[in-house]
């Protein structure tokens, strides 16, 4: 990720985001432009846009992108599939980039599915500029270790690590929603 310098100022102006390159992927032109305009207002230096996941993957192969912001529901390649393709890609300069998924579908099973696909942050629609900024800054302030294993590639899914925990491993029994399954 591009180096982001903290500033001593109000919350909205705490970071110099001018060196960031962000890709916004949404098939809704109005939403794409709204997010683009918010990012420019935050001071983001480069905002790239794509209307669908396949074209976004082409951009990701050709351009260094620091953060991906994408919608879940798109045609023909949705945000879920884009995430899986990106995490598995060997020809993308930054396959470990943080991904913020925008969605109106926030049921627990869908959030778990997004997490298991390799999403870094979820952003529920409708959202305010403040909520978008919070998710953006969360990817900067709290970077997650990147995991590569035969069954999962993406940011560490554990948000908290309690080394003194001695209870049962509940995560082993949890199953997530799989689109199309």
N, C-alpha and C. Protein backbone atom coordinates (compact mmCIF):
# COMPACT_ATOMS: atom_id res chain seq x y z
N UNK A 1 0.85 -1.17 0.00
CA UNK A 1 0.00 0.00 0.00
C UNK A 1 0.89 1.23 0.00
N UNK A 2 0.44 2.27 -0.66
CA UNK A 2 1.17 3.53 -0.67
C UNK A 2 1.31 4.03 0.76
N UNK A 3 2.39 4.72 1.04
CA UNK A 3 2.62 5.25 2.39
C UNK A 3 1.61 6.35 2.67
N UNK A 4 0.88 6.18 3.76
CA UNK A 4 -0.14 7.14 4.16
C UNK A 4 0.35 7.82 5.42
N UNK A 5 0.52 9.11 5.36
CA UNK A 5 1.07 9.87 6.47
C UNK A 5 -0.04 10.42 7.37
N UNK A 6 0.04 10.13 8.71
CA UNK A 6 -0.94 10.74 9.62
C UNK A 6 -0.72 12.25 9.71
N UNK A 7 -1.79 12.97 9.92
CA UNK A 7 -1.73 14.41 10.13
C UNK A 7 -2.31 14.72 11.51
N UNK A 8 -1.91 15.81 12.09
CA UNK A 8 -2.49 16.26 13.35
C UNK A 8 -3.58 17.27 13.01
N UNK A 9 -4.81 16.79 12.91
CA UNK A 9 -5.93 17.67 12.54
C UNK A 9 -7.24 16.99 12.91
N UNK A 10 -8.33 17.53 12.41
CA UNK A 10 -9.65 16.95 12.66
C UNK A 10 -9.71 15.54 12.10
N UNK A 11 -10.66 14.74 12.58
CA UNK A 11 -10.77 13.33 12.20
C UNK A 11 -10.76 13.13 10.69
N UNK A 12 -11.51 13.93 9.95
CA UNK A 12 -11.61 13.76 8.50
C UNK A 12 -10.31 14.13 7.80
N UNK A 13 -9.44 14.89 8.45
CA UNK A 13 -8.20 15.33 7.83
C UNK A 13 -6.96 14.70 8.47
N UNK A 14 -7.12 13.58 9.17
CA UNK A 14 -6.00 12.98 9.89
C UNK A 14 -4.97 12.35 8.98
N UNK A 15 -5.35 11.97 7.79
CA UNK A 15 -4.44 11.26 6.90
C UNK A 15 -4.30 11.98 5.57
N UNK A 16 -3.08 11.92 5.04
CA UNK A 16 -2.83 12.40 3.69
C UNK A 16 -3.03 11.20 2.77
N UNK A 17 -4.15 11.16 2.09
CA UNK A 17 -4.51 10.02 1.24
C UNK A 17 -4.14 10.26 -0.22
N UNK A 18 -3.38 11.31 -0.47
CA UNK A 18 -3.10 11.72 -1.85
C UNK A 18 -2.27 10.70 -2.64
N UNK A 19 -1.58 9.81 -1.94
CA UNK A 19 -0.76 8.82 -2.65
C UNK A 19 -1.50 7.50 -2.88
N UNK A 20 -2.71 7.40 -2.38
CA UNK A 20 -3.48 6.16 -2.55
C UNK A 20 -4.07 6.04 -3.95
N UNK A 21 -4.12 4.81 -4.45
CA UNK A 21 -4.83 4.48 -5.68
C UNK A 21 -5.94 3.50 -5.30
N UNK A 22 -7.17 3.89 -5.55
CA UNK A 22 -8.33 3.08 -5.18
C UNK A 22 -9.14 2.77 -6.43
N UNK A 23 -9.60 1.53 -6.51
CA UNK A 23 -10.47 1.10 -7.60
C UNK A 23 -11.87 0.92 -7.05
N UNK A 24 -12.85 1.59 -7.67
CA UNK A 24 -14.26 1.48 -7.30
C UNK A 24 -14.96 0.66 -8.38
N UNK A 25 -15.61 -0.43 -7.97
CA UNK A 25 -16.29 -1.31 -8.91
C UNK A 25 -17.76 -1.42 -8.51
N UNK A 26 -18.62 -0.92 -9.39
CA UNK A 26 -20.07 -1.00 -9.16
C UNK A 26 -20.75 -0.84 -10.52
N UNK A 27 -21.75 -1.66 -10.78
CA UNK A 27 -22.44 -1.56 -12.07
C UNK A 27 -23.41 -0.40 -12.12
N UNK A 28 -23.65 0.24 -10.98
CA UNK A 28 -24.53 1.40 -10.92
C UNK A 28 -23.66 2.66 -11.07
N UNK A 29 -23.80 3.34 -12.19
CA UNK A 29 -22.99 4.52 -12.49
C UNK A 29 -23.13 5.59 -11.40
N UNK A 30 -24.36 5.82 -10.94
CA UNK A 30 -24.60 6.84 -9.92
C UNK A 30 -23.82 6.50 -8.64
N UNK A 31 -23.88 5.25 -8.19
CA UNK A 31 -23.18 4.85 -6.97
C UNK A 31 -21.67 4.95 -7.16
N UNK A 32 -21.18 4.53 -8.32
CA UNK A 32 -19.76 4.60 -8.61
C UNK A 32 -19.26 6.05 -8.53
N UNK A 33 -20.00 6.95 -9.13
CA UNK A 33 -19.60 8.37 -9.12
C UNK A 33 -19.72 8.98 -7.73
N UNK A 34 -20.73 8.56 -6.98
CA UNK A 34 -20.90 9.05 -5.61
C UNK A 34 -19.70 8.65 -4.76
N UNK A 35 -19.31 7.38 -4.85
CA UNK A 35 -18.14 6.90 -4.08
C UNK A 35 -16.88 7.61 -4.57
N UNK A 36 -16.72 7.75 -5.88
CA UNK A 36 -15.56 8.45 -6.43
C UNK A 36 -15.47 9.87 -5.87
N UNK A 37 -16.60 10.58 -5.87
CA UNK A 37 -16.60 11.96 -5.38
C UNK A 37 -16.27 12.03 -3.89
N UNK A 38 -16.77 11.06 -3.11
CA UNK A 38 -16.43 11.01 -1.68
C UNK A 38 -14.93 10.80 -1.50
N UNK A 39 -14.37 9.87 -2.26
CA UNK A 39 -12.93 9.59 -2.15
C UNK A 39 -12.10 10.81 -2.52
N UNK A 40 -12.50 11.52 -3.57
CA UNK A 40 -11.79 12.75 -3.93
C UNK A 40 -11.91 13.78 -2.80
N UNK A 41 -13.08 13.87 -2.17
CA UNK A 41 -13.26 14.80 -1.05
C UNK A 41 -12.37 14.43 0.14
N UNK A 42 -12.09 13.13 0.31
CA UNK A 42 -11.18 12.69 1.38
C UNK A 42 -9.72 12.98 1.03
N UNK A 43 -9.46 13.33 -0.23
CA UNK A 43 -8.10 13.62 -0.66
C UNK A 43 -7.38 12.46 -1.33
N UNK A 44 -8.12 11.41 -1.70
CA UNK A 44 -7.49 10.27 -2.38
C UNK A 44 -6.94 10.74 -3.72
N UNK A 45 -5.70 10.37 -4.01
CA UNK A 45 -5.02 10.85 -5.21
C UNK A 45 -5.52 10.26 -6.51
N UNK A 46 -5.68 8.94 -6.58
CA UNK A 46 -6.11 8.29 -7.81
C UNK A 46 -7.34 7.43 -7.53
N UNK A 47 -8.40 7.67 -8.28
CA UNK A 47 -9.60 6.84 -8.18
C UNK A 47 -9.88 6.28 -9.56
N UNK A 48 -9.78 4.97 -9.68
CA UNK A 48 -10.10 4.27 -10.92
C UNK A 48 -11.50 3.70 -10.78
N UNK A 49 -12.19 3.51 -11.91
CA UNK A 49 -13.56 3.01 -11.87
C UNK A 49 -13.75 1.87 -12.86
N UNK A 50 -14.66 0.96 -12.49
CA UNK A 50 -15.05 -0.12 -13.38
C UNK A 50 -16.52 -0.46 -13.10
N UNK A 51 -17.23 -0.84 -14.17
CA UNK A 51 -18.65 -1.17 -14.04
C UNK A 51 -18.90 -2.64 -13.73
N UNK A 52 -17.86 -3.48 -13.83
CA UNK A 52 -18.08 -4.90 -13.52
C UNK A 52 -16.76 -5.59 -13.18
N UNK A 53 -16.89 -6.75 -12.55
CA UNK A 53 -15.74 -7.45 -12.00
C UNK A 53 -14.69 -7.89 -13.00
N UNK A 54 -15.10 -8.36 -14.18
CA UNK A 54 -14.13 -8.81 -15.18
C UNK A 54 -13.23 -7.68 -15.64
N UNK A 55 -13.82 -6.53 -15.92
CA UNK A 55 -13.03 -5.36 -16.33
C UNK A 55 -12.16 -4.87 -15.17
N UNK A 56 -12.67 -4.99 -13.95
CA UNK A 56 -11.89 -4.59 -12.77
C UNK A 56 -10.64 -5.45 -12.64
N UNK A 57 -10.78 -6.75 -12.90
CA UNK A 57 -9.62 -7.64 -12.81
C UNK A 57 -8.55 -7.24 -13.83
N UNK A 58 -8.98 -6.79 -15.01
CA UNK A 58 -8.02 -6.31 -16.01
C UNK A 58 -7.27 -5.09 -15.48
N UNK A 59 -7.99 -4.16 -14.86
CA UNK A 59 -7.34 -2.98 -14.27
C UNK A 59 -6.36 -3.42 -13.18
N UNK A 60 -6.78 -4.37 -12.35
CA UNK A 60 -5.93 -4.84 -11.26
C UNK A 60 -4.67 -5.53 -11.78
N UNK A 61 -4.73 -6.11 -12.95
CA UNK A 61 -3.56 -6.75 -13.56
C UNK A 61 -2.59 -5.70 -14.13
N UNK A 62 -3.10 -4.55 -14.53
CA UNK A 62 -2.29 -3.55 -15.22
C UNK A 62 -1.83 -2.39 -14.34
N UNK A 63 -2.48 -2.20 -13.19
CA UNK A 63 -2.25 -1.01 -12.38
C UNK A 63 -2.10 -1.39 -10.91
N UNK A 64 -1.15 -0.75 -10.23
CA UNK A 64 -1.04 -0.96 -8.79
C UNK A 64 -2.22 -0.26 -8.13
N UNK A 65 -3.02 -1.02 -7.42
CA UNK A 65 -4.16 -0.48 -6.68
C UNK A 65 -3.93 -0.78 -5.21
N UNK A 66 -4.13 0.23 -4.35
CA UNK A 66 -3.92 0.05 -2.91
C UNK A 66 -5.14 -0.53 -2.21
N UNK A 67 -6.33 -0.10 -2.61
CA UNK A 67 -7.57 -0.55 -1.97
C UNK A 67 -8.63 -0.73 -3.04
N UNK A 68 -9.39 -1.81 -2.94
CA UNK A 68 -10.50 -2.08 -3.85
C UNK A 68 -11.80 -1.88 -3.09
N UNK A 69 -12.71 -1.10 -3.66
CA UNK A 69 -14.05 -0.93 -3.10
C UNK A 69 -15.01 -1.45 -4.15
N UNK A 70 -15.78 -2.49 -3.81
CA UNK A 70 -16.66 -3.07 -4.83
C UNK A 70 -18.03 -3.42 -4.26
N UNK A 71 -18.99 -3.46 -5.16
CA UNK A 71 -20.35 -3.87 -4.82
C UNK A 71 -20.40 -5.39 -4.86
N UNK A 72 -21.32 -5.97 -4.11
CA UNK A 72 -21.48 -7.42 -4.13
C UNK A 72 -22.24 -7.85 -5.38
N UNK A 73 -23.39 -7.23 -5.64
CA UNK A 73 -24.29 -7.68 -6.71
C UNK A 73 -23.98 -6.92 -7.99
N UNK A 74 -23.35 -7.61 -8.95
CA UNK A 74 -23.04 -7.05 -10.26
C UNK A 74 -23.14 -8.18 -11.28
N UNK A 75 -23.28 -7.81 -12.53
CA UNK A 75 -23.30 -8.79 -13.63
C UNK A 75 -22.21 -8.43 -14.62
N UNK A 76 -21.56 -9.32 -15.27
CA UNK A 76 -21.65 -10.77 -15.13
C UNK A 76 -20.77 -11.33 -14.02
N UNK A 77 -19.76 -10.57 -13.56
CA UNK A 77 -18.89 -11.01 -12.47
C UNK A 77 -19.19 -10.16 -11.25
N UNK A 78 -19.71 -10.79 -10.19
CA UNK A 78 -20.07 -10.03 -8.99
C UNK A 78 -18.85 -9.81 -8.09
N UNK A 79 -19.04 -9.04 -7.04
CA UNK A 79 -17.95 -8.71 -6.14
C UNK A 79 -17.38 -9.91 -5.41
N UNK A 80 -18.24 -10.88 -5.11
CA UNK A 80 -17.81 -12.11 -4.44
C UNK A 80 -16.85 -12.88 -5.34
N UNK A 81 -17.24 -13.08 -6.60
CA UNK A 81 -16.40 -13.81 -7.55
C UNK A 81 -15.13 -13.01 -7.88
N UNK A 82 -15.24 -11.70 -8.01
CA UNK A 82 -14.07 -10.85 -8.24
C UNK A 82 -13.06 -11.05 -7.12
N UNK A 83 -13.53 -11.07 -5.88
CA UNK A 83 -12.64 -11.26 -4.74
C UNK A 83 -11.93 -12.60 -4.82
N UNK A 84 -12.67 -13.66 -5.11
CA UNK A 84 -12.06 -14.99 -5.20
C UNK A 84 -11.04 -15.05 -6.34
N UNK A 85 -11.37 -14.44 -7.48
CA UNK A 85 -10.44 -14.44 -8.62
C UNK A 85 -9.18 -13.63 -8.29
N UNK A 86 -9.36 -12.49 -7.64
CA UNK A 86 -8.22 -11.65 -7.27
C UNK A 86 -7.31 -12.37 -6.29
N UNK A 87 -7.88 -12.96 -5.27
CA UNK A 87 -7.07 -13.63 -4.25
C UNK A 87 -6.30 -14.82 -4.83
N UNK A 88 -6.85 -15.45 -5.87
CA UNK A 88 -6.19 -16.61 -6.49
C UNK A 88 -5.23 -16.20 -7.62
N UNK A 89 -5.29 -14.96 -8.06
CA UNK A 89 -4.50 -14.52 -9.22
C UNK A 89 -3.00 -14.53 -8.92
N UNK A 90 -2.24 -14.93 -9.93
CA UNK A 90 -0.78 -14.89 -9.83
C UNK A 90 -0.19 -13.78 -10.69
N UNK A 91 -1.04 -13.10 -11.45
CA UNK A 91 -0.57 -12.07 -12.37
C UNK A 91 -1.05 -10.67 -11.99
N UNK A 92 -1.41 -10.48 -10.73
CA UNK A 92 -1.87 -9.19 -10.23
C UNK A 92 -0.77 -8.62 -9.33
N UNK A 93 -0.36 -7.36 -9.55
CA UNK A 93 0.72 -6.79 -8.74
C UNK A 93 0.45 -6.77 -7.24
N UNK A 94 -0.81 -6.65 -6.83
CA UNK A 94 -1.13 -6.52 -5.41
C UNK A 94 -2.36 -7.37 -5.04
N UNK A 95 -2.25 -8.70 -5.06
CA UNK A 95 -3.42 -9.53 -4.76
C UNK A 95 -3.83 -9.50 -3.29
N UNK A 96 -2.98 -8.92 -2.43
CA UNK A 96 -3.28 -8.86 -1.00
C UNK A 96 -3.92 -7.54 -0.58
N UNK A 97 -4.31 -6.71 -1.56
CA UNK A 97 -4.87 -5.41 -1.22
C UNK A 97 -6.13 -5.56 -0.38
N UNK A 98 -6.41 -4.59 0.49
CA UNK A 98 -7.66 -4.61 1.25
C UNK A 98 -8.85 -4.43 0.31
N UNK A 99 -9.93 -5.14 0.60
CA UNK A 99 -11.16 -5.05 -0.19
C UNK A 99 -12.30 -4.63 0.73
N UNK A 100 -12.96 -3.54 0.36
CA UNK A 100 -14.15 -3.08 1.08
C UNK A 100 -15.35 -3.45 0.21
N UNK A 101 -16.23 -4.29 0.74
CA UNK A 101 -17.41 -4.75 -0.01
C UNK A 101 -18.62 -3.91 0.39
N UNK A 102 -19.24 -3.26 -0.61
CA UNK A 102 -20.48 -2.51 -0.39
C UNK A 102 -21.65 -3.45 -0.67
N UNK A 103 -22.63 -3.45 0.22
CA UNK A 103 -23.78 -4.33 -0.01
C UNK A 103 -24.99 -3.88 0.79
N UNK A 104 -26.14 -4.16 0.24
CA UNK A 104 -27.38 -3.96 0.97
C UNK A 104 -27.82 -5.23 1.68
N UNK A 105 -27.07 -6.31 1.47
CA UNK A 105 -27.40 -7.61 2.06
C UNK A 105 -26.45 -7.88 3.23
N UNK A 106 -26.94 -7.64 4.44
CA UNK A 106 -26.05 -7.70 5.60
C UNK A 106 -26.41 -8.81 6.58
N UNK A 107 -27.15 -9.81 6.13
CA UNK A 107 -27.46 -10.93 7.00
C UNK A 107 -26.15 -11.61 7.41
N UNK A 108 -26.13 -12.19 8.60
CA UNK A 108 -24.91 -12.78 9.15
C UNK A 108 -24.28 -13.80 8.20
N UNK A 109 -25.09 -14.66 7.58
CA UNK A 109 -24.51 -15.68 6.70
C UNK A 109 -23.83 -15.06 5.48
N UNK A 110 -24.32 -13.92 5.03
CA UNK A 110 -23.69 -13.25 3.89
C UNK A 110 -22.38 -12.57 4.31
N UNK A 111 -22.38 -11.99 5.50
CA UNK A 111 -21.15 -11.36 6.00
C UNK A 111 -20.07 -12.43 6.18
N UNK A 112 -20.44 -13.59 6.72
CA UNK A 112 -19.48 -14.68 6.88
C UNK A 112 -18.96 -15.16 5.53
N UNK A 113 -19.85 -15.26 4.54
CA UNK A 113 -19.43 -15.69 3.20
C UNK A 113 -18.44 -14.70 2.60
N UNK A 114 -18.70 -13.41 2.77
CA UNK A 114 -17.79 -12.38 2.25
C UNK A 114 -16.44 -12.47 2.96
N UNK A 115 -16.48 -12.63 4.26
CA UNK A 115 -15.24 -12.78 5.02
C UNK A 115 -14.45 -13.99 4.53
N UNK A 116 -15.16 -15.10 4.32
CA UNK A 116 -14.50 -16.34 3.88
C UNK A 116 -14.01 -16.26 2.44
N UNK A 117 -14.53 -15.33 1.65
CA UNK A 117 -14.06 -15.13 0.28
C UNK A 117 -12.79 -14.27 0.24
N UNK A 118 -12.52 -13.54 1.33
CA UNK A 118 -11.31 -12.72 1.37
C UNK A 118 -11.57 -11.23 1.46
N UNK A 119 -12.79 -10.84 1.83
CA UNK A 119 -13.13 -9.42 2.00
C UNK A 119 -12.48 -8.92 3.29
N UNK A 120 -11.99 -7.69 3.28
CA UNK A 120 -11.37 -7.10 4.46
C UNK A 120 -12.39 -6.38 5.32
N UNK A 121 -13.26 -5.58 4.71
CA UNK A 121 -14.27 -4.79 5.42
C UNK A 121 -15.58 -4.84 4.67
N UNK A 122 -16.69 -4.76 5.41
CA UNK A 122 -18.03 -4.67 4.81
C UNK A 122 -18.56 -3.26 5.04
N UNK A 123 -19.30 -2.75 4.07
CA UNK A 123 -19.90 -1.43 4.16
C UNK A 123 -21.36 -1.57 3.75
N UNK A 124 -22.26 -1.44 4.72
CA UNK A 124 -23.69 -1.63 4.47
C UNK A 124 -24.28 -0.42 3.77
N UNK A 125 -25.07 -0.69 2.72
CA UNK A 125 -25.80 0.36 2.01
C UNK A 125 -27.16 0.53 2.68
N UNK A 126 -27.67 1.72 2.72
CA UNK A 126 -27.04 2.98 2.33
C UNK A 126 -25.99 3.38 3.37
N UNK A 127 -25.00 4.13 2.94
CA UNK A 127 -23.94 4.55 3.86
C UNK A 127 -23.66 6.03 3.67
N UNK A 128 -23.06 6.61 4.69
CA UNK A 128 -22.68 8.03 4.65
C UNK A 128 -21.21 8.13 4.27
N UNK A 129 -20.79 9.34 3.97
CA UNK A 129 -19.37 9.59 3.70
C UNK A 129 -18.55 9.21 4.93
N UNK A 130 -19.09 9.49 6.11
CA UNK A 130 -18.38 9.15 7.35
C UNK A 130 -18.14 7.66 7.49
N UNK A 131 -19.13 6.85 7.15
CA UNK A 131 -18.98 5.39 7.24
C UNK A 131 -17.96 4.88 6.22
N UNK A 132 -17.98 5.43 5.01
CA UNK A 132 -16.98 5.04 4.01
C UNK A 132 -15.59 5.40 4.51
N UNK A 133 -15.44 6.60 5.06
CA UNK A 133 -14.15 7.04 5.58
C UNK A 133 -13.68 6.12 6.70
N UNK A 134 -14.60 5.72 7.60
CA UNK A 134 -14.24 4.81 8.69
C UNK A 134 -13.68 3.50 8.16
N UNK A 135 -14.33 2.92 7.16
CA UNK A 135 -13.87 1.64 6.61
C UNK A 135 -12.52 1.82 5.90
N UNK A 136 -12.38 2.92 5.20
CA UNK A 136 -11.12 3.22 4.51
C UNK A 136 -9.98 3.33 5.52
N UNK A 137 -10.19 4.08 6.57
CA UNK A 137 -9.16 4.27 7.58
C UNK A 137 -8.90 2.99 8.36
N UNK A 138 -9.93 2.17 8.56
CA UNK A 138 -9.74 0.88 9.25
C UNK A 138 -8.74 0.01 8.50
N UNK A 139 -8.77 0.05 7.17
CA UNK A 139 -7.82 -0.75 6.40
C UNK A 139 -6.39 -0.23 6.55
N UNK A 140 -6.26 1.05 6.89
CA UNK A 140 -4.94 1.66 7.06
C UNK A 140 -4.45 1.49 8.50
N UNK A 141 -5.31 1.80 9.47
CA UNK A 141 -4.90 1.76 10.87
C UNK A 141 -4.76 0.34 11.41
N UNK A 142 -5.55 -0.57 10.90
CA UNK A 142 -5.56 -1.94 11.41
C UNK A 142 -5.31 -2.94 10.29
N UNK A 143 -4.13 -2.89 9.68
CA UNK A 143 -3.87 -3.84 8.59
C UNK A 143 -3.90 -5.27 9.13
N UNK A 144 -4.43 -6.18 8.35
CA UNK A 144 -4.56 -7.57 8.78
C UNK A 144 -3.48 -8.41 8.08
N UNK A 145 -2.94 -9.36 8.81
CA UNK A 145 -1.99 -10.29 8.21
C UNK A 145 -2.68 -11.01 7.06
N UNK A 146 -1.92 -11.38 6.05
CA UNK A 146 -2.48 -12.06 4.89
C UNK A 146 -2.18 -13.55 5.01
N UNK A 147 -3.20 -14.35 4.80
CA UNK A 147 -3.11 -15.81 4.95
C UNK A 147 -3.19 -16.47 3.58
N UNK A 148 -2.29 -17.40 3.33
CA UNK A 148 -2.36 -18.24 2.12
C UNK A 148 -2.35 -19.68 2.59
N UNK A 149 -3.43 -20.38 2.30
CA UNK A 149 -3.52 -21.79 2.66
C UNK A 149 -4.27 -22.51 1.55
N UNK A 150 -4.29 -23.84 1.56
CA UNK A 150 -5.02 -24.55 0.52
C UNK A 150 -6.52 -24.23 0.49
N UNK A 151 -7.10 -23.85 1.64
CA UNK A 151 -8.54 -23.61 1.70
C UNK A 151 -8.93 -22.15 1.76
N UNK A 152 -7.97 -21.26 2.01
CA UNK A 152 -8.32 -19.84 2.16
C UNK A 152 -7.13 -18.96 1.79
N UNK A 153 -7.42 -17.89 1.06
CA UNK A 153 -6.43 -16.86 0.77
C UNK A 153 -7.11 -15.52 1.00
N UNK A 154 -6.54 -14.73 1.89
CA UNK A 154 -7.12 -13.42 2.19
C UNK A 154 -6.62 -12.91 3.52
N UNK A 155 -7.22 -11.81 3.99
CA UNK A 155 -6.79 -11.24 5.27
C UNK A 155 -7.17 -12.18 6.41
N UNK A 156 -6.36 -12.17 7.47
CA UNK A 156 -6.66 -12.98 8.65
C UNK A 156 -8.08 -12.66 9.09
N UNK A 157 -8.91 -13.69 9.20
CA UNK A 157 -10.32 -13.49 9.51
C UNK A 157 -10.56 -13.17 10.98
N UNK A 158 -9.56 -13.40 11.81
CA UNK A 158 -9.72 -13.10 13.24
C UNK A 158 -9.43 -11.63 13.47
N UNK A 159 -10.40 -10.92 13.99
CA UNK A 159 -10.19 -9.50 14.31
C UNK A 159 -9.49 -9.34 15.65
N UNK A 160 -9.71 -10.29 16.54
CA UNK A 160 -9.14 -10.21 17.88
C UNK A 160 -8.44 -11.53 18.18
N UNK A 161 -7.32 -11.46 18.84
CA UNK A 161 -6.60 -12.66 19.23
C UNK A 161 -6.40 -12.61 20.73
N UNK A 162 -6.98 -13.56 21.43
CA UNK A 162 -6.86 -13.63 22.88
C UNK A 162 -6.00 -14.84 23.21
N UNK A 163 -4.71 -14.64 23.49
CA UNK A 163 -3.82 -15.77 23.73
C UNK A 163 -4.18 -16.57 24.98
N UNK A 164 -4.95 -15.99 25.90
CA UNK A 164 -5.31 -16.71 27.12
C UNK A 164 -6.61 -17.50 26.98
N UNK A 165 -7.26 -17.47 25.81
CA UNK A 165 -8.51 -18.19 25.61
C UNK A 165 -8.27 -19.69 25.70
N UNK A 166 -9.08 -20.39 26.52
CA UNK A 166 -8.92 -21.82 26.71
C UNK A 166 -10.17 -22.61 26.38
N UNK A 167 -11.17 -21.99 25.78
CA UNK A 167 -12.44 -22.65 25.48
C UNK A 167 -12.39 -23.46 24.20
N UNK A 168 -13.55 -23.96 23.77
CA UNK A 168 -13.60 -24.76 22.54
C UNK A 168 -13.35 -23.90 21.30
N UNK A 169 -12.88 -24.55 20.25
CA UNK A 169 -12.65 -23.86 18.97
C UNK A 169 -13.97 -23.80 18.22
N UNK A 170 -14.73 -22.73 18.41
CA UNK A 170 -16.04 -22.61 17.78
C UNK A 170 -15.93 -22.36 16.29
N UNK A 171 -14.84 -21.77 15.84
CA UNK A 171 -14.71 -21.45 14.41
C UNK A 171 -14.69 -22.70 13.54
N UNK A 172 -14.19 -23.79 14.05
CA UNK A 172 -14.09 -25.01 13.26
C UNK A 172 -15.46 -25.54 12.85
N UNK A 173 -16.50 -25.22 13.61
CA UNK A 173 -17.84 -25.74 13.33
C UNK A 173 -18.70 -24.79 12.52
N UNK A 174 -18.24 -23.58 12.30
CA UNK A 174 -19.05 -22.56 11.63
C UNK A 174 -18.99 -22.75 10.12
N UNK A 175 -20.15 -22.71 9.48
CA UNK A 175 -20.19 -22.77 8.02
C UNK A 175 -20.78 -21.47 7.51
N UNK A 176 -20.35 -21.08 6.35
CA UNK A 176 -20.80 -19.81 5.77
C UNK A 176 -21.68 -20.06 4.56
N UNK A 177 -22.49 -19.07 4.27
CA UNK A 177 -23.33 -19.06 3.08
C UNK A 177 -22.45 -19.05 1.83
N UNK A 178 -22.77 -19.86 0.87
CA UNK A 178 -22.05 -19.88 -0.40
C UNK A 178 -23.04 -19.54 -1.50
N UNK A 179 -22.85 -18.41 -2.19
CA UNK A 179 -23.77 -18.06 -3.28
C UNK A 179 -23.84 -19.18 -4.30
N UNK A 180 -25.04 -19.50 -4.74
CA UNK A 180 -25.25 -20.52 -5.75
C UNK A 180 -25.26 -21.93 -5.20
N UNK A 181 -25.01 -22.08 -3.90
CA UNK A 181 -24.98 -23.43 -3.32
C UNK A 181 -26.34 -23.83 -2.80
